[in-house]
PDB file of N, CA and C in Angstrom:
ATOM      1  N   MET A   1      17.370  -0.761   6.341  1.00  0.00           N
ATOM      2  CA  MET A   1      17.687  -2.405   7.219  1.00  0.00           C
ATOM      3  C   MET A   1      17.100  -3.321   6.193  1.00  0.00           C
ATOM      4  N   ALA A   2      17.829  -4.271   5.837  1.00  0.00           N
ATOM      5  CA  ALA A   2      17.097  -5.118   4.825  1.00  0.00           C
ATOM      6  C   ALA A   2      16.319  -6.075   5.889  1.00  0.00           C
ATOM      7  N   GLY A   3      15.849  -7.103   5.330  1.00  0.00           N
ATOM      8  CA  GLY A   3      14.619  -7.854   5.872  1.00  0.00           C
ATOM      9  C   GLY A   3      13.578  -8.609   5.036  1.00  0.00           C
ATOM     10  N   ASP A   4      13.153  -9.567   5.420  1.00  0.00           N
ATOM     11  CA  ASP A   4      11.848  -9.543   5.564  1.00  0.00           C
ATOM     12  C   ASP A   4      10.230  -9.344   5.102  1.00  0.00           C
ATOM     13  N   LEU A   5       9.850  -8.925   3.888  1.00  0.00           N
ATOM     14  CA  LEU A   5       8.631  -8.208   4.313  1.00  0.00           C
ATOM     15  C   LEU A   5       8.179  -8.628   5.068  1.00  0.00           C
ATOM     16  N   ASN A   6       7.459  -9.497   5.986  1.00  0.00           N
ATOM     17  CA  ASN A   6       6.798 -10.031   6.531  1.00  0.00           C
ATOM     18  C   ASN A   6       7.178 -10.610   7.669  1.00  0.00           C
ATOM     19  N   ASP A   7       8.256 -11.625   7.582  1.00  0.00           N
ATOM     20  CA  ASP A   7       9.031 -11.674   8.965  1.00  0.00           C
ATOM     21  C   ASP A   7       9.719 -10.940   9.409  1.00  0.00           C
ATOM     22  N   ASP A   8      10.185  -9.602   9.394  1.00  0.00           N
ATOM     23  CA  ASP A   8      10.290  -8.307   9.742  1.00  0.00           C
ATOM     24  C   ASP A   8       9.604  -7.163  10.428  1.00  0.00           C
ATOM     25  N   LEU A   9       8.716  -6.847   9.356  1.00  0.00           N
ATOM     26  CA  LEU A   9       7.948  -5.942   9.433  1.00  0.00           C
ATOM     27  C   LEU A   9       7.008  -5.610  10.786  1.00  0.00           C
ATOM     28  N   ALA A  10       7.222  -6.971  12.029  1.00  0.00           N
ATOM     29  CA  ALA A  10       6.602  -6.109  13.617  1.00  0.00           C
ATOM     30  C   ALA A  10       7.778  -5.783  14.006  1.00  0.00           C
ATOM     31  N   THR A  11       8.807  -6.292  14.081  1.00  0.00           N
ATOM     32  CA  THR A  11      10.119  -6.071  14.182  1.00  0.00           C
ATOM     33  C   THR A  11      10.659  -4.673  13.810  1.00  0.00           C
ATOM     34  N   LEU A  12      10.904  -3.979  12.939  1.00  0.00           N
ATOM     35  CA  LEU A  12      10.788  -2.975  12.532  1.00  0.00           C
ATOM     36  C   LEU A  12       9.857  -1.448  12.831  1.00  0.00           C
ATOM     37  N   ALA A  13       9.041  -1.989  13.138  1.00  0.00           N
ATOM     38  CA  ALA A  13       7.805  -1.052  13.655  1.00  0.00           C
ATOM     39  C   ALA A  13       8.071  -1.085  14.924  1.00  0.00           C
ATOM     40  N   ALA A  14       8.127  -1.734  15.649  1.00  0.00           N
ATOM     41  CA  ALA A  14       8.221  -1.588  16.932  1.00  0.00           C
ATOM     42  C   ALA A  14       9.724  -1.093  17.457  1.00  0.00           C
ATOM     43  N   LYS A  15      10.423  -0.887  16.674  1.00  0.00           N
ATOM     44  CA  LYS A  15      11.517   0.285  16.757  1.00  0.00           C
ATOM     45  C   LYS A  15      10.558   1.884  16.448  1.00  0.00           C
ATOM     46  N   ALA A  16       9.870   2.666  15.678  1.00  0.00           N
ATOM     47  CA  ALA A  16       9.295   3.434  16.094  1.00  0.00           C
ATOM     48  C   ALA A  16       9.498   4.400  17.455  1.00  0.00           C
ATOM     49  N   PRO A  17       9.730   5.350  17.353  1.00  0.00           N
ATOM     50  CA  PRO A  17       9.781   6.216  18.628  1.00  0.00           C
ATOM     51  C   PRO A  17       8.642   6.418  19.145  1.00  0.00           C
ATOM     52  N   SER A  18       7.869   6.224  20.780  1.00  0.00           N
ATOM     53  CA  SER A  18       6.095   6.501  21.119  1.00  0.00           C
ATOM     54  C   SER A  18       5.765   7.129  21.293  1.00  0.00           C
ATOM     55  N   ASP A  19       6.870   8.413  20.670  1.00  0.00           N
ATOM     56  CA  ASP A  19       6.180   9.709  20.528  1.00  0.00           C
ATOM     57  C   ASP A  19       5.930  10.140  18.525  1.00  0.00           C
ATOM     58  N   ALA A  20       6.002   9.078  18.100  1.00  0.00           N
ATOM     59  CA  ALA A  20       5.994   9.139  16.379  1.00  0.00           C
ATOM     60  C   ALA A  20       4.976   8.428  15.822  1.00  0.00           C
ATOM     61  N   THR A  21       4.503   8.974  14.849  1.00  0.00           N
ATOM     62  CA  THR A  21       3.426   7.874  13.852  1.00  0.00           C
ATOM     63  C   THR A  21       3.864   7.689  13.037  1.00  0.00           C
ATOM     64  N   LEU A  22       3.913   6.043  13.337  1.00  0.00           N
ATOM     65  CA  LEU A  22       3.984   5.160  12.440  1.00  0.00           C
ATOM     66  C   LEU A  22       3.774   4.999  11.083  1.00  0.00           C
ATOM     67  N   VAL A  23       4.230   5.211  10.090  1.00  0.00           N
ATOM     68  CA  VAL A  23       4.004   4.980   8.808  1.00  0.00           C
ATOM     69  C   VAL A  23       4.443   4.066   7.946  1.00  0.00           C
ATOM     70  N   VAL A  24       3.935   3.204   7.300  1.00  0.00           N
ATOM     71  CA  VAL A  24       4.896   2.087   6.204  1.00  0.00           C
ATOM     72  C   VAL A  24       4.128   2.790   5.289  1.00  0.00           C
ATOM     73  N   PHE A  25       5.203   2.796   3.998  1.00  0.00           N
ATOM     74  CA  PHE A  25       4.702   3.497   2.827  1.00  0.00           C
ATOM     75  C   PHE A  25       5.476   2.209   1.714  1.00  0.00           C
ATOM     76  N   HIS A  26       5.041   2.199   0.301  1.00  0.00           N
ATOM     77  CA  HIS A  26       5.756   0.838  -0.553  1.00  0.00           C
ATOM     78  C   HIS A  26       5.130   1.612  -1.593  1.00  0.00           C
ATOM     79  N   SER A  27       5.464   1.106  -2.746  1.00  0.00           N
ATOM     80  CA  SER A  27       5.603   1.518  -4.260  1.00  0.00           C
ATOM     81  C   SER A  27       6.396   0.300  -4.753  1.00  0.00           C
ATOM     82  N   ALA A  28       5.709  -0.178  -5.991  1.00  0.00           N
ATOM     83  CA  ALA A  28       5.858  -1.178  -7.113  1.00  0.00           C
ATOM     84  C   ALA A  28       6.426  -2.320  -5.963  1.00  0.00           C
ATOM     85  N   VAL A  29       5.779  -2.563  -4.984  1.00  0.00           N
ATOM     86  CA  VAL A  29       6.047  -3.800  -4.459  1.00  0.00           C
ATOM     87  C   VAL A  29       6.022  -5.281  -4.346  1.00  0.00           C
ATOM     88  N   LEU A  30       4.512  -5.115  -3.927  1.00  0.00           N
ATOM     89  CA  LEU A  30       3.753  -5.963  -3.721  1.00  0.00           C
ATOM     90  C   LEU A  30       3.826  -6.859  -5.112  1.00  0.00           C
ATOM     91  N   THR A  31       3.357  -6.187  -6.376  1.00  0.00           N
ATOM     92  CA  THR A  31       3.743  -7.208  -7.453  1.00  0.00           C
ATOM     93  C   THR A  31       4.701  -8.534  -7.682  1.00  0.00           C
ATOM     94  N   TYR A  32       5.522  -8.248  -7.094  1.00  0.00           N
ATOM     95  CA  TYR A  32       6.306  -9.229  -6.429  1.00  0.00           C
ATOM     96  C   TYR A  32       6.954 -10.191  -5.814  1.00  0.00           C
ATOM     97  N   ILE A  33       5.522 -10.539  -4.456  1.00  0.00           N
ATOM     98  CA  ILE A  33       5.478 -11.790  -4.526  1.00  0.00           C
ATOM     99  C   ILE A  33       3.878 -12.382  -4.736  1.00  0.00           C
ATOM    100  N   THR A  34       4.107 -13.239  -4.355  1.00  0.00           N
ATOM    101  CA  THR A  34       2.719 -14.493  -4.372  1.00  0.00           C
ATOM    102  C   THR A  34       1.298 -13.360  -3.706  1.00  0.00           C
ATOM    103  N   PRO A  35      -0.389 -13.729  -4.310  1.00  0.00           N
ATOM    104  CA  PRO A  35      -1.119 -13.221  -3.638  1.00  0.00           C
ATOM    105  C   PRO A  35      -1.738 -13.651  -1.977  1.00  0.00           C
ATOM    106  N   GLU A  36      -1.030 -14.948  -1.734  1.00  0.00           N
ATOM    107  CA  GLU A  36      -1.185 -15.361  -0.662  1.00  0.00           C
ATOM    108  C   GLU A  36       0.460 -14.665   0.113  1.00  0.00           C
ATOM    109  N   VAL A  37       1.390 -14.071   0.261  1.00  0.00           N
ATOM    110  CA  VAL A  37       2.719 -13.593   0.686  1.00  0.00           C
ATOM    111  C   VAL A  37       1.779 -11.846   0.977  1.00  0.00           C
ATOM    112  N   ARG A  38       1.017 -11.719   0.008  1.00  0.00           N
ATOM    113  CA  ARG A  38       0.610 -10.471  -0.446  1.00  0.00           C
ATOM    114  C   ARG A  38      -0.446 -10.406   0.797  1.00  0.00           C
ATOM    115  N   GLN A  39      -1.125 -10.927   1.473  1.00  0.00           N
ATOM    116  CA  GLN A  39      -2.360 -11.228   2.338  1.00  0.00           C
ATOM    117  C   GLN A  39      -2.123 -11.583   3.899  1.00  0.00           C
ATOM    118  N   ARG A  40      -1.133 -11.828   3.759  1.00  0.00           N
ATOM    119  CA  ARG A  40      -0.040 -12.004   5.029  1.00  0.00           C
ATOM    120  C   ARG A  40       0.215 -10.973   5.550  1.00  0.00           C
ATOM    121  N   PHE A  41       0.680  -9.735   4.047  1.00  0.00           N
ATOM    122  CA  PHE A  41       1.504  -8.673   4.823  1.00  0.00           C
ATOM    123  C   PHE A  41       0.551  -7.380   5.169  1.00  0.00           C
ATOM    124  N   VAL A  42      -0.700  -7.633   3.727  1.00  0.00           N
ATOM    125  CA  VAL A  42      -1.477  -6.626   4.164  1.00  0.00           C
ATOM    126  C   VAL A  42      -2.513  -6.929   5.963  1.00  0.00           C
ATOM    127  N   ASP A  43      -2.560  -8.356   6.340  1.00  0.00           N
ATOM    128  CA  ASP A  43      -3.212  -8.715   7.799  1.00  0.00           C
ATOM    129  C   ASP A  43      -1.910  -8.038   8.951  1.00  0.00           C
ATOM    130  N   GLN A  44      -0.738  -7.425   8.312  1.00  0.00           N
ATOM    131  CA  GLN A  44       0.317  -7.635   9.782  1.00  0.00           C
ATOM    132  C   GLN A  44      -0.265  -6.194   9.991  1.00  0.00           C
ATOM    133  N   VAL A  45      -0.211  -5.286   8.228  1.00  0.00           N
ATOM    134  CA  VAL A  45       0.022  -3.798   7.991  1.00  0.00           C
ATOM    135  C   VAL A  45      -1.349  -3.102   8.829  1.00  0.00           C
ATOM    136  N   THR A  46      -2.219  -3.479   8.187  1.00  0.00           N
ATOM    137  CA  THR A  46      -3.613  -2.959   9.112  1.00  0.00           C
ATOM    138  C   THR A  46      -3.693  -3.286  10.366  1.00  0.00           C
ATOM    139  N   ALA A  47      -3.078  -4.180  11.282  1.00  0.00           N
ATOM    140  CA  ALA A  47      -3.449  -4.689  12.884  1.00  0.00           C
ATOM    141  C   ALA A  47      -2.255  -3.787  13.209  1.00  0.00           C
ATOM    142  N   LEU A  48      -1.089  -2.706  12.548  1.00  0.00           N
ATOM    143  CA  LEU A  48      -0.095  -2.118  12.712  1.00  0.00           C
ATOM    144  C   LEU A  48      -0.647  -0.593  13.533  1.00  0.00           C
ATOM    145  N   PRO A  49      -0.334   0.420  14.810  1.00  0.00           N
ATOM    146  CA  PRO A  49      -0.565   1.762  15.186  1.00  0.00           C
ATOM    147  C   PRO A  49      -0.119   2.573  13.592  1.00  0.00           C
ATOM    148  N   GLY A  50      -0.799   3.755  13.669  1.00  0.00           N
ATOM    149  CA  GLY A  50      -0.152   4.409  12.706  1.00  0.00           C
ATOM    150  C   GLY A  50      -0.880   3.831  11.223  1.00  0.00           C
ATOM    151  N   HIS A  51       0.324   4.224  10.707  1.00  0.00           N
ATOM    152  CA  HIS A  51      -1.058   5.014   8.997  1.00  0.00           C
ATOM    153  C   HIS A  51      -0.435   3.520   7.991  1.00  0.00           C
ATOM    154  N   TRP A  52      -0.854   3.246   7.058  1.00  0.00           N
ATOM    155  CA  TRP A  52      -0.454   2.141   5.845  1.00  0.00           C
ATOM    156  C   TRP A  52      -1.045   3.283   4.589  1.00  0.00           C
ATOM    157  N   ILE A  53       0.914   3.587   3.708  1.00  0.00           N
ATOM    158  CA  ILE A  53       0.109   4.217   2.227  1.00  0.00           C
ATOM    159  C   ILE A  53       0.904   3.342   1.758  1.00  0.00           C
ATOM    160  N   SER A  54      -0.398   2.542   0.957  1.00  0.00           N
ATOM    161  CA  SER A  54       0.350   1.568  -1.069  1.00  0.00           C
ATOM    162  C   SER A  54       0.264   2.416  -1.855  1.00  0.00           C
ATOM    163  N   ASN A  55       1.264   2.703  -2.751  1.00  0.00           N
ATOM    164  CA  ASN A  55       1.257   2.439  -4.328  1.00  0.00           C
ATOM    165  C   ASN A  55       1.489   1.921  -5.282  1.00  0.00           C
ATOM    166  N   GLU A  56       0.822   0.655  -5.643  1.00  0.00           N
ATOM    167  CA  GLU A  56       0.910  -0.046  -6.570  1.00  0.00           C
ATOM    168  C   GLU A  56      -0.327  -0.483  -6.925  1.00  0.00           C
ATOM    169  N   GLY A  57       0.279  -1.670  -8.756  1.00  0.00           N
ATOM    170  CA  GLY A  57      -0.961  -1.549  -9.991  1.00  0.00           C
ATOM    171  C   GLY A  57      -1.813  -1.921  -9.489  1.00  0.00           C
ATOM    172  N   PRO A  58      -2.895  -1.822  -9.756  1.00  0.00           N
ATOM    173  CA  PRO A  58      -4.643  -1.914  -9.770  1.00  0.00           C
ATOM    174  C   PRO A  58      -4.784  -3.730  -9.582  1.00  0.00           C
ATOM    175  N   GLY A  59      -4.165  -4.017 -10.501  1.00  0.00           N
ATOM    176  CA  GLY A  59      -4.304  -5.593 -10.515  1.00  0.00           C
ATOM    177  C   GLY A  59      -3.889  -6.408  -8.957  1.00  0.00           C
ATOM    178  N   VAL A  60      -3.125  -5.465  -8.064  1.00  0.00           N
ATOM    179  CA  VAL A  60      -1.666  -6.035  -7.302  1.00  0.00           C
ATOM    180  C   VAL A  60      -3.484  -6.165  -5.974  1.00  0.00           C
ATOM    181  N   LEU A  61      -3.569  -4.846  -5.674  1.00  0.00           N
ATOM    182  CA  LEU A  61      -4.696  -5.598  -4.096  1.00  0.00           C
ATOM    183  C   LEU A  61      -6.301  -5.544  -4.860  1.00  0.00           C
ATOM    184  N   PRO A  62      -6.314  -6.530  -5.741  1.00  0.00           N
ATOM    185  CA  PRO A  62      -7.949  -6.623  -5.807  1.00  0.00           C
ATOM    186  C   PRO A  62      -8.819  -5.273  -5.096  1.00  0.00           C
ATOM    187  N   ALA A  63      -8.921  -5.747  -3.615  1.00  0.00           N
ATOM    188  CA  ALA A  63     -10.170  -5.364  -3.030  1.00  0.00           C
ATOM    189  C   ALA A  63      -9.914  -3.745  -3.046  1.00  0.00           C
ATOM    190  N   LEU A  64      -8.085  -3.665  -2.740  1.00  0.00           N
ATOM    191  CA  LEU A  64      -8.478  -1.707  -3.044  1.00  0.00           C
ATOM    192  C   LEU A  64      -9.039  -1.719  -4.378  1.00  0.00           C
ATOM    193  N   THR A  65      -8.464  -1.866  -5.285  1.00  0.00           N
ATOM    194  CA  THR A  65      -9.220  -1.451  -6.468  1.00  0.00           C
ATOM    195  C   THR A  65     -10.593  -1.745  -6.836  1.00  0.00           C
ATOM    196  N   ALA A  66     -11.564  -2.664  -5.692  1.00  0.00           N
ATOM    197  CA  ALA A  66     -12.971  -2.787  -6.194  1.00  0.00           C
ATOM    198  C   ALA A  66     -13.874  -1.319  -5.475  1.00  0.00           C
ATOM    199  N   GLN A  67     -13.120  -0.884  -4.929  1.00  0.00           N
ATOM    200  CA  GLN A  67     -13.391   0.407  -3.866  1.00  0.00           C
ATOM    201  C   GLN A  67     -13.392   1.407  -3.854  1.00  0.00           C
ATOM    202  N   VAL A  68     -12.849   2.215  -5.805  1.00  0.00           N
ATOM    203  CA  VAL A  68     -12.129   2.962  -6.492  1.00  0.00           C
ATOM    204  C   VAL A  68     -14.374   3.507  -7.312  1.00  0.00           C
ATOM    205  N   PRO A  69     -13.768   4.440  -6.928  1.00  0.00           N
ATOM    206  CA  PRO A  69     -16.017   4.954  -6.956  1.00  0.00           C
ATOM    207  C   PRO A  69     -16.291   4.929  -8.835  1.00  0.00           C
ATOM    208  N   ALA A  70     -17.598   4.722  -8.387  1.00  0.00           N
ATOM    209  CA  ALA A  70     -17.970   4.263 -10.212  1.00  0.00           C
ATOM    210  C   ALA A  70     -17.488   5.718 -10.692  1.00  0.00           C
ATOM    211  N   GLY A  71     -16.909   6.049 -12.006  1.00  0.00           N
ATOM    212  CA  GLY A  71     -17.028   6.739 -12.982  1.00  0.00           C
ATOM    213  C   GLY A  71     -15.732   6.457 -12.934  1.00  0.00           C
ATOM    214  N   ARG A  72     -14.715   6.468 -11.590  1.00  0.00           N
ATOM    215  CA  ARG A  72     -13.551   7.357 -11.438  1.00  0.00           C
ATOM    216  C   ARG A  72     -11.625   5.648 -11.652  1.00  0.00           C
ATOM    217  N   GLU A  73     -12.446   4.877 -12.682  1.00  0.00           N
ATOM    218  CA  GLU A  73     -12.107   3.643 -13.097  1.00  0.00           C
ATOM    219  C   GLU A  73     -10.707   4.857 -14.105  1.00  0.00           C
ATOM    220  N   ASP A  74      -8.923   3.860 -13.438  1.00  0.00           N
ATOM    221  CA  ASP A  74      -7.945   4.150 -14.485  1.00  0.00           C
ATOM    222  C   ASP A  74      -8.008   3.599 -15.837  1.00  0.00           C
ATOM    223  N   THR A  75      -8.076   4.795 -16.539  1.00  0.00           N
ATOM    224  CA  THR A  75      -7.774   5.019 -18.580  1.00  0.00           C
ATOM    225  C   THR A  75      -6.380   5.001 -18.312  1.00  0.00           C
ATOM    226  N   GLN A  76      -5.243   5.376 -17.344  1.00  0.00           N
ATOM    227  CA  GLN A  76      -3.909   5.627 -18.809  1.00  0.00           C
ATOM    228  C   GLN A  76      -3.112   4.099 -17.199  1.00  0.00           C
ATOM    229  N   HIS A  77      -3.252   3.497 -17.372  1.00  0.00           N
ATOM    230  CA  HIS A  77      -2.698   1.908 -16.591  1.00  0.00           C
ATOM    231  C   HIS A  77      -1.776   2.574 -15.475  1.00  0.00           C
ATOM    232  N   ARG A  78      -1.590   3.587 -14.272  1.00  0.00           N
ATOM    233  CA  ARG A  78      -1.699   4.216 -13.378  1.00  0.00           C
ATOM    234  C   ARG A  78      -1.651   3.332 -12.258  1.00  0.00           C
ATOM    235  N   PHE A  79      -0.461   3.707 -11.079  1.00  0.00           N
ATOM    236  CA  PHE A  79      -1.107   2.734  -9.801  1.00  0.00           C
ATOM    237  C   PHE A  79      -1.786   3.339  -8.880  1.00  0.00           C
ATOM    238  N   LEU A  80      -2.256   2.397  -8.337  1.00  0.00           N
ATOM    239  CA  LEU A  80      -3.475   3.445  -6.998  1.00  0.00           C
ATOM    240  C   LEU A  80      -2.841   4.018  -6.040  1.00  0.00           C
ATOM    241  N   THR A  81      -3.179   4.670  -5.290  1.00  0.00           N
ATOM    242  CA  THR A  81      -1.832   5.016  -3.891  1.00  0.00           C
ATOM    243  C   THR A  81      -3.426   5.137  -3.305  1.00  0.00           C
ATOM    244  N   ALA A  82      -3.182   4.389  -1.691  1.00  0.00           N
ATOM    245  CA  ALA A  82      -4.412   4.000  -0.986  1.00  0.00           C
ATOM    246  C   ALA A  82      -3.509   4.994   0.394  1.00  0.00           C
ATOM    247  N   LEU A  83      -4.793   4.914   0.706  1.00  0.00           N
ATOM    248  CA  LEU A  83      -4.444   5.525   2.605  1.00  0.00           C
ATOM    249  C   LEU A  83      -4.768   4.356   3.669  1.00  0.00           C
ATOM    250  N   ASP A  84      -3.822   4.077   4.067  1.00  0.00           N
ATOM    251  CA  ASP A  84      -5.056   3.122   5.278  1.00  0.00           C
ATOM    252  C   ASP A  84      -6.448   2.149   4.838  1.00  0.00           C
ATOM    253  N   GLY A  85      -6.120   1.708   3.530  1.00  0.00           N
ATOM    254  CA  GLY A  85      -6.401   0.792   3.066  1.00  0.00           C
ATOM    255  C   GLY A  85      -7.612   0.995   2.063  1.00  0.00           C
ATOM    256  N   ARG A  86      -7.785   2.580   2.054  1.00  0.00           N
ATOM    257  CA  ARG A  86      -8.985   3.027   1.228  1.00  0.00           C
ATOM    258  C   ARG A  86      -8.043   3.968   0.138  1.00  0.00           C
ATOM    259  N   PRO A  87      -9.281   3.385  -1.321  1.00  0.00           N
ATOM    260  CA  PRO A  87      -8.109   4.174  -2.545  1.00  0.00           C
ATOM    261  C   PRO A  87      -8.266   5.573  -1.722  1.00  0.00           C
ATOM    262  N   VAL A  88      -7.249   6.576  -2.619  1.00  0.00           N
ATOM    263  CA  VAL A  88      -6.809   8.135  -2.567  1.00  0.00           C
ATOM    264  C   VAL A  88      -6.727   8.307  -4.324  1.00  0.00           C
ATOM    265  N   ALA A  89      -5.985   7.906  -4.450  1.00  0.00           N
ATOM    266  CA  ALA A  89      -5.439   8.869  -5.451  1.00  0.00           C
ATOM    267  C   ALA A  89      -5.266   7.736  -6.922  1.00  0.00           C
ATOM    268  N   TRP A  90      -5.434   8.158  -8.386  1.00  0.00           N
ATOM    269  CA  TRP A  90      -4.569   7.769  -9.407  1.00  0.00           C
ATOM    270  C   TRP A  90      -2.888   8.331  -9.037  1.00  0.00           C
ATOM    271  N   SER A  91      -2.287   7.963  -9.099  1.00  0.00           N
ATOM    272  CA  SER A  91      -0.609   7.768  -9.654  1.00  0.00           C
ATOM    273  C   SER A  91      -0.010   7.493 -10.569  1.00  0.00           C
ATOM    274  N   GLY A  92       0.921   7.551 -11.148  1.00  0.00           N
ATOM    275  CA  GLY A  92       2.002   7.574 -12.101  1.00  0.00           C
ATOM    276  C   GLY A  92       2.837   6.610 -11.285  1.00  0.00           C
ATOM    277  N   GLY A  93       3.563   5.462 -11.932  1.00  0.00           N
ATOM    278  CA  GLY A  93       4.359   4.901 -11.319  1.00  0.00           C
ATOM    279  C   GLY A  93       5.774   5.376 -10.839  1.00  0.00           C
ATOM    280  N   HIS A  94       5.952   6.515 -10.948  1.00  0.00           N
ATOM    281  CA  HIS A  94       7.731   6.862 -10.323  1.00  0.00           C
ATOM    282  C   HIS A  94       6.624   8.362  -9.917  1.00  0.00           C
ATOM    283  N   GLY A  95       5.430   8.675  -9.711  1.00  0.00           N
ATOM    284  CA  GLY A  95       5.455   9.930  -9.186  1.00  0.00           C
ATOM    285  C   GLY A  95       5.073  10.980  -9.806  1.00  0.00           C
ATOM    286  N   GLN A  96       5.012  10.566 -11.070  1.00  0.00           N
ATOM    287  CA  GLN A  96       5.250  11.749 -11.652  1.00  0.00           C
ATOM    288  C   GLN A  96       3.696  13.062 -12.166  1.00  0.00           C
ATOM    289  N   SER A  97       2.917  11.909 -11.670  1.00  0.00           N
ATOM    290  CA  SER A  97       1.359  12.899 -11.439  1.00  0.00           C
ATOM    291  C   SER A  97       0.406  11.704 -10.444  1.00  0.00           C
ATOM    292  N   VAL A  98      -0.621  12.713  -9.751  1.00  0.00           N
ATOM    293  CA  VAL A  98      -1.680  12.635  -9.738  1.00  0.00           C
ATOM    294  C   VAL A  98      -2.868  13.198  -9.714  1.00  0.00           C
ATOM    295  N   GLU A  99      -3.427  11.610  -9.490  1.00  0.00           N
ATOM    296  CA  GLU A  99      -5.437  12.340  -9.286  1.00  0.00           C
ATOM    297  C   GLU A  99      -5.884  12.057  -8.175  1.00  0.00           C
ATOM    298  N   LEU A 100      -6.178  13.080  -7.652  1.00  0.00           N
ATOM    299  CA  LEU A 100      -7.372  12.469  -6.142  1.00  0.00           C
ATOM    300  C   LEU A 100      -8.988  12.341  -6.643  1.00  0.00           C
ATOM    301  N   LEU A 101      -8.450  11.044  -5.951  1.00  0.00           N
ATOM    302  CA  LEU A 101     -10.783  10.531  -6.287  1.00  0.00           C
ATOM    303  C   LEU A 101     -11.405  11.112  -5.816  1.00  0.00           C
TER     304      LEU A 101
END
């Protein structure tokens, strides 16, 4: 479905079957929108039932990066993968590697 990240998220999520677990996944998308539009998306996606999986550069969602445990900072310019707003791994931008936190 083509649409706007924020304007159409709730409508699309509502189309998920009631007996399914909703999962919203994105990779390398949020860097292309302003911080204000990003925050609107974060507010919406965290209010949905189900799970949110993000895979973005560490500077894109600073609140997630701030949660990375000390000593586990990225040294290889990878993406930060998070589940429901909690960082879980450093990953290659195209999925070629994953290092769990």
